[in-house]
Amino acid sequence: MEHSPNHSAPALEVPPALAVEIDELVSHYPQPRSASVMVLHALQDHFGFLSPETIEWTAARLGLQPINILELVTFYPMFRQRPVGKFHLKVCRTLSCALGGSHALHRHLCERLGLDARAHGPQTTADGRFTVEFVECLAGCGTAPVMMCNDACHEAVTPGRADELLAECARAGARAASAR
């Protein structure tokens, strides 16, 4: 894969197998820039979030400016710039969900987890187990309010259902801990 001579990769330790995977991804696109979102997914899957160094590495690898990658990272809600908890709770805040009770759902989750419902941006519990954040549309407008727990989408979530989901997460975390 060709790299732009104007960019030097910053100090980020990308495992050789991941670099090979990324080069393979890029090879399926007519231009390296077109693979940006897929490369970011691969890096986030590996590192858990996209640090400034990861953004710079991606730009250098694809022959772009870091701002080109940062624009994608800040535009798409599936990309994270900070580590999140083992259970990432995303609550839709757009109109249908807001009218369906998403603000009350977010407040309920924050209260249950000891977080500040008025704080801006994602918040993670002190033990690092849960992150709660408001996000834009989760594409379930007819069954509001909608939230996601990691990759699982939950529709028409009531405070009671939210409590059940938190309990399921706690049980899953306990099972994982006892399996170690």
C-alpha atoms as a PDB file:
ATOM      1  CA  MET A   1       0.000   0.000   0.000  1.00  0.00           C
ATOM      2  CA  GLU A   2       1.318   3.453  -0.872  1.00  0.00           C
ATOM      3  CA  HIS A   3       1.605   6.101   1.801  1.00  0.00           C
ATOM      4  CA  SER A   4       1.865   9.817   1.234  1.00  0.00           C
ATOM      5  CA  PRO A   5       5.427  11.077   1.725  1.00  0.00           C
ATOM      6  CA  ASN A   6       4.063  14.172   3.471  1.00  0.00           C
ATOM      7  CA  HIS A   7       2.750  12.174   6.417  1.00  0.00           C
ATOM      8  CA  SER A   8       4.712  10.255   8.999  1.00  0.00           C
ATOM      9  CA  ALA A   9       2.810   7.857  11.204  1.00  0.00           C
ATOM     10  CA  PRO A  10       2.726   9.030  14.829  1.00  0.00           C
ATOM     11  CA  ALA A  11       3.860   6.834  17.692  1.00  0.00           C
ATOM     12  CA  LEU A  12       0.982   4.377  17.896  1.00  0.00           C
ATOM     13  CA  GLU A  13       1.641   0.698  18.410  1.00  0.00           C
ATOM     14  CA  VAL A  14      -0.596  -1.007  15.863  1.00  0.00           C
ATOM     15  CA  PRO A  15      -0.063  -4.771  15.960  1.00  0.00           C
ATOM     16  CA  PRO A  16       1.277  -6.134  12.664  1.00  0.00           C
ATOM     17  CA  ALA A  17      -1.793  -8.366  12.194  1.00  0.00           C
ATOM     18  CA  LEU A  18      -4.083  -5.353  12.550  1.00  0.00           C
ATOM     19  CA  ALA A  19      -1.983  -3.332  10.089  1.00  0.00           C
ATOM     20  CA  VAL A  20      -2.288  -6.206   7.591  1.00  0.00           C
ATOM     21  CA  GLU A  21      -6.074  -6.317   8.181  1.00  0.00           C
ATOM     22  CA  ILE A  22      -6.295  -2.569   7.585  1.00  0.00           C
ATOM     23  CA  ASP A  23      -4.233  -2.772   4.394  1.00  0.00           C
ATOM     24  CA  GLU A  24      -6.558  -5.545   3.199  1.00  0.00           C
ATOM     25  CA  LEU A  25      -9.605  -3.367   3.947  1.00  0.00           C
ATOM     26  CA  VAL A  26      -8.121  -0.446   2.055  1.00  0.00           C
ATOM     27  CA  SER A  27      -7.333  -2.631  -0.959  1.00  0.00           C
ATOM     28  CA  HIS A  28     -11.067  -3.111  -1.579  1.00  0.00           C
ATOM     29  CA  TYR A  29     -11.679   0.594  -2.220  1.00  0.00           C
ATOM     30  CA  PRO A  30     -10.860   2.659  -5.314  1.00  0.00           C
ATOM     31  CA  GLN A  31      -9.088   5.270  -3.157  1.00  0.00           C
ATOM     32  CA  PRO A  32      -7.646   4.897   0.363  1.00  0.00           C
ATOM     33  CA  ARG A  33      -9.848   7.760   1.623  1.00  0.00           C
ATOM     34  CA  SER A  34     -12.941   5.688   0.821  1.00  0.00           C
ATOM     35  CA  ALA A  35     -11.900   3.130   3.438  1.00  0.00           C
ATOM     36  CA  SER A  36     -11.697   5.675   6.267  1.00  0.00           C
ATOM     37  CA  VAL A  37     -14.834   4.592   8.145  1.00  0.00           C
ATOM     38  CA  MET A  38     -13.963   0.891   7.918  1.00  0.00           C
ATOM     39  CA  VAL A  39     -10.399   1.554   9.095  1.00  0.00           C
ATOM     40  CA  LEU A  40     -11.735   3.550  12.049  1.00  0.00           C
ATOM     41  CA  HIS A  41     -14.061   0.669  12.963  1.00  0.00           C
ATOM     42  CA  ALA A  42     -11.157  -1.788  12.904  1.00  0.00           C
ATOM     43  CA  LEU A  43      -9.009   0.469  15.085  1.00  0.00           C
ATOM     44  CA  GLN A  44     -11.833   1.161  17.551  1.00  0.00           C
ATOM     45  CA  ASP A  45     -12.617  -2.549  17.767  1.00  0.00           C
ATOM     46  CA  HIS A  46      -9.000  -3.178  18.722  1.00  0.00           C
ATOM     47  CA  PHE A  47      -8.237  -0.199  20.993  1.00  0.00           C
ATOM     48  CA  GLY A  48     -11.743   0.430  22.387  1.00  0.00           C
ATOM     49  CA  PHE A  49     -11.784   4.087  21.339  1.00  0.00           C
ATOM     50  CA  LEU A  50     -10.097   6.467  18.888  1.00  0.00           C
ATOM     51  CA  SER A  51      -7.352   8.491  20.568  1.00  0.00           C
ATOM     52  CA  PRO A  52      -5.737  11.541  18.948  1.00  0.00           C
ATOM     53  CA  GLU A  53      -2.781   9.278  18.078  1.00  0.00           C
ATOM     54  CA  THR A  54      -5.123   6.802  16.392  1.00  0.00           C
ATOM     55  CA  ILE A  55      -6.700   9.600  14.356  1.00  0.00           C
ATOM     56  CA  GLU A  56      -3.247  10.832  13.292  1.00  0.00           C
ATOM     57  CA  TRP A  57      -2.093   7.284  12.471  1.00  0.00           C
ATOM     58  CA  THR A  58      -5.190   6.717  10.334  1.00  0.00           C
ATOM     59  CA  ALA A  59      -4.667   9.965   8.448  1.00  0.00           C
ATOM     60  CA  ALA A  60      -1.023   9.129   7.786  1.00  0.00           C
ATOM     61  CA  ARG A  61      -1.883   5.570   6.717  1.00  0.00           C
ATOM     62  CA  LEU A  62      -4.510   6.817   4.258  1.00  0.00           C
ATOM     63  CA  GLY A  63      -2.524   9.825   2.991  1.00  0.00           C
ATOM     64  CA  LEU A  64      -4.963  12.340   4.489  1.00  0.00           C
ATOM     65  CA  GLN A  65      -4.838  15.227   6.908  1.00  0.00           C
ATOM     66  CA  PRO A  66      -5.856  14.452  10.526  1.00  0.00           C
ATOM     67  CA  ILE A  67      -8.776  16.896  10.206  1.00  0.00           C
ATOM     68  CA  ASN A  68     -10.253  14.660   7.478  1.00  0.00           C
ATOM     69  CA  ILE A  69     -10.377  11.764   9.943  1.00  0.00           C
ATOM     70  CA  LEU A  70     -11.424  13.888  12.926  1.00  0.00           C
ATOM     71  CA  GLU A  71     -14.432  15.114  10.919  1.00  0.00           C
ATOM     72  CA  LEU A  72     -15.630  11.518  10.577  1.00  0.00           C
ATOM     73  CA  VAL A  73     -14.938  10.637  14.200  1.00  0.00           C
ATOM     74  CA  THR A  74     -16.886  13.640  15.483  1.00  0.00           C
ATOM     75  CA  PHE A  75     -19.746  13.266  12.978  1.00  0.00           C
ATOM     76  CA  TYR A  76     -20.635   9.602  13.436  1.00  0.00           C
ATOM     77  CA  PRO A  77     -21.989   8.676  16.887  1.00  0.00           C
ATOM     78  CA  MET A  78     -20.615   5.128  16.730  1.00  0.00           C
ATOM     79  CA  PHE A  79     -17.075   6.435  17.092  1.00  0.00           C
ATOM     80  CA  ARG A  80     -15.694   7.151  20.564  1.00  0.00           C
ATOM     81  CA  GLN A  81     -12.819   9.429  21.517  1.00  0.00           C
ATOM     82  CA  ARG A  82     -12.652   8.207  25.107  1.00  0.00           C
ATOM     83  CA  PRO A  83     -12.782   4.790  26.707  1.00  0.00           C
ATOM     84  CA  VAL A  84     -16.259   3.601  27.651  1.00  0.00           C
ATOM     85  CA  GLY A  85     -17.493   1.139  30.227  1.00  0.00           C
ATOM     86  CA  LYS A  86     -17.999  -2.549  29.635  1.00  0.00           C
ATOM     87  CA  PHE A  87     -21.702  -1.742  29.152  1.00  0.00           C
ATOM     88  CA  HIS A  88     -22.244   1.270  26.911  1.00  0.00           C
ATOM     89  CA  LEU A  89     -25.803   2.590  27.280  1.00  0.00           C
ATOM     90  CA  LYS A  90     -26.829   4.943  24.477  1.00  0.00           C
ATOM     91  CA  VAL A  91     -30.166   6.723  24.802  1.00  0.00           C
ATOM     92  CA  CYS A  92     -31.703   8.345  21.726  1.00  0.00           C
ATOM     93  CA  ARG A  93     -32.472  12.017  22.256  1.00  0.00           C
ATOM     94  CA  THR A  94     -34.006  13.020  18.928  1.00  0.00           C
ATOM     95  CA  LEU A  95     -37.573  14.246  18.627  1.00  0.00           C
ATOM     96  CA  SER A  96     -39.604  11.023  18.604  1.00  0.00           C
ATOM     97  CA  CYS A  97     -37.662   9.559  21.505  1.00  0.00           C
ATOM     98  CA  ALA A  98     -37.672  12.849  23.410  1.00  0.00           C
ATOM     99  CA  LEU A  99     -41.460  12.960  23.101  1.00  0.00           C
ATOM    100  CA  GLY A 100     -41.587   9.280  24.089  1.00  0.00           C
ATOM    101  CA  GLY A 101     -39.654   9.820  27.317  1.00  0.00           C
ATOM    102  CA  SER A 102     -35.954   9.497  26.510  1.00  0.00           C
ATOM    103  CA  HIS A 103     -34.986  12.371  28.817  1.00  0.00           C
ATOM    104  CA  ALA A 104     -36.704  10.662  31.736  1.00  0.00           C
ATOM    105  CA  LEU A 105     -35.048   7.369  30.742  1.00  0.00           C
ATOM    106  CA  HIS A 106     -31.600   8.994  30.623  1.00  0.00           C
ATOM    107  CA  ARG A 107     -32.229  10.643  33.999  1.00  0.00           C
ATOM    108  CA  HIS A 108     -33.368   7.303  35.454  1.00  0.00           C
ATOM    109  CA  LEU A 109     -30.263   5.480  34.233  1.00  0.00           C
ATOM    110  CA  CYS A 110     -27.986   8.222  35.573  1.00  0.00           C
ATOM    111  CA  GLU A 111     -29.712   8.181  38.976  1.00  0.00           C
ATOM    112  CA  ARG A 112     -29.476   4.377  39.209  1.00  0.00           C
ATOM    113  CA  LEU A 113     -25.768   4.477  38.348  1.00  0.00           C
ATOM    114  CA  GLY A 114     -24.821   7.518  40.437  1.00  0.00           C
ATOM    115  CA  LEU A 115     -24.121   9.775  37.464  1.00  0.00           C
ATOM    116  CA  ASP A 116     -25.100  13.401  36.832  1.00  0.00           C
ATOM    117  CA  ALA A 117     -28.005  13.478  34.379  1.00  0.00           C
ATOM    118  CA  ARG A 118     -27.270  17.144  33.613  1.00  0.00           C
ATOM    119  CA  ALA A 119     -23.650  16.562  32.577  1.00  0.00           C
ATOM    120  CA  HIS A 120     -22.819  16.864  28.895  1.00  0.00           C
ATOM    121  CA  GLY A 121     -21.355  13.929  26.992  1.00  0.00           C
ATOM    122  CA  PRO A 122     -20.797  10.324  27.949  1.00  0.00           C
ATOM    123  CA  GLN A 123     -20.306   9.545  31.630  1.00  0.00           C
ATOM    124  CA  THR A 124     -18.714   6.415  33.027  1.00  0.00           C
ATOM    125  CA  THR A 125     -19.276   4.979  36.492  1.00  0.00           C
ATOM    126  CA  ALA A 126     -16.329   5.033  38.895  1.00  0.00           C
ATOM    127  CA  ASP A 127     -15.898   1.263  38.557  1.00  0.00           C
ATOM    128  CA  GLY A 128     -15.715   1.564  34.754  1.00  0.00           C
ATOM    129  CA  ARG A 129     -18.597  -0.847  34.211  1.00  0.00           C
ATOM    130  CA  PHE A 130     -21.226   1.478  32.703  1.00  0.00           C
ATOM    131  CA  THR A 131     -21.152   4.451  30.366  1.00  0.00           C
ATOM    132  CA  VAL A 132     -24.363   6.402  29.731  1.00  0.00           C
ATOM    133  CA  GLU A 133     -24.765   8.920  26.948  1.00  0.00           C
ATOM    134  CA  PHE A 134     -27.344  10.648  24.831  1.00  0.00           C
ATOM    135  CA  VAL A 135     -26.959   9.957  21.098  1.00  0.00           C
ATOM    136  CA  GLU A 136     -28.726  10.965  17.940  1.00  0.00           C
ATOM    137  CA  CYS A 137     -31.325   8.819  16.195  1.00  0.00           C
ATOM    138  CA  LEU A 138     -31.155   5.071  16.745  1.00  0.00           C
ATOM    139  CA  ALA A 139     -33.738   4.441  13.989  1.00  0.00           C
ATOM    140  CA  GLY A 140     -36.616   3.225  16.134  1.00  0.00           C
ATOM    141  CA  CYS A 141     -38.819   6.310  16.038  1.00  0.00           C
ATOM    142  CA  GLY A 142     -42.066   4.327  16.104  1.00  0.00           C
ATOM    143  CA  THR A 143     -41.130   2.532  19.328  1.00  0.00           C
ATOM    144  CA  ALA A 144     -39.685   5.341  21.425  1.00  0.00           C
ATOM    145  CA  PRO A 145     -37.835   5.664  23.631  1.00  0.00           C
ATOM    146  CA  VAL A 146     -34.996   3.636  22.172  1.00  0.00           C
ATOM    147  CA  MET A 147     -31.671   2.786  23.758  1.00  0.00           C
ATOM    148  CA  MET A 148     -28.765   0.529  22.994  1.00  0.00           C
ATOM    149  CA  CYS A 149     -26.700  -1.534  25.379  1.00  0.00           C
ATOM    150  CA  ASN A 150     -23.470  -2.155  23.512  1.00  0.00           C
ATOM    151  CA  ASP A 151     -24.702  -3.457  20.132  1.00  0.00           C
ATOM    152  CA  ALA A 152     -28.191  -4.551  21.249  1.00  0.00           C
ATOM    153  CA  CYS A 153     -31.081  -2.222  20.477  1.00  0.00           C
ATOM    154  CA  HIS A 154     -33.993  -1.976  22.932  1.00  0.00           C
ATOM    155  CA  GLU A 155     -37.246  -0.260  22.029  1.00  0.00           C
ATOM    156  CA  ALA A 156     -40.067   1.216  24.114  1.00  0.00           C
ATOM    157  CA  VAL A 157     -37.805   1.172  27.164  1.00  0.00           C
ATOM    158  CA  THR A 158     -39.571   2.028  30.416  1.00  0.00           C
ATOM    159  CA  PRO A 159     -37.723   2.750  33.663  1.00  0.00           C
ATOM    160  CA  GLY A 160     -38.666  -0.764  34.776  1.00  0.00           C
ATOM    161  CA  ARG A 161     -37.218  -2.301  31.624  1.00  0.00           C
ATOM    162  CA  ALA A 162     -34.089  -0.164  32.085  1.00  0.00           C
ATOM    163  CA  ASP A 163     -33.694  -1.626  35.578  1.00  0.00           C
ATOM    164  CA  GLU A 164     -34.016  -5.141  34.109  1.00  0.00           C
ATOM    165  CA  LEU A 165     -31.328  -4.338  31.551  1.00  0.00           C
ATOM    166  CA  LEU A 166     -29.008  -3.023  34.269  1.00  0.00           C
ATOM    167  CA  ALA A 167     -29.582  -6.215  36.271  1.00  0.00           C
ATOM    168  CA  GLU A 168     -28.845  -8.342  33.173  1.00  0.00           C
ATOM    169  CA  CYS A 169     -25.599  -6.422  32.669  1.00  0.00           C
ATOM    170  CA  ALA A 170     -24.652  -6.910  36.321  1.00  0.00           C
ATOM    171  CA  ARG A 171     -25.285 -10.661  36.027  1.00  0.00           C
ATOM    172  CA  ALA A 172     -23.254 -10.849  32.798  1.00  0.00           C
ATOM    173  CA  GLY A 173     -20.410  -8.952  34.456  1.00  0.00           C
ATOM    174  CA  ALA A 174     -20.503 -11.286  37.466  1.00  0.00           C
ATOM    175  CA  ARG A 175     -20.452 -14.373  35.215  1.00  0.00           C
ATOM    176  CA  ALA A 176     -17.480 -12.978  33.279  1.00  0.00           C
ATOM    177  CA  ALA A 177     -15.613 -12.212  36.519  1.00  0.00           C
ATOM    178  CA  SER A 178     -16.213 -15.694  37.948  1.00  0.00           C
ATOM    179  CA  ALA A 179     -15.069 -17.321  34.702  1.00  0.00           C
ATOM    180  CA  ARG A 180     -11.601 -15.772  35.070  1.00  0.00           C
END
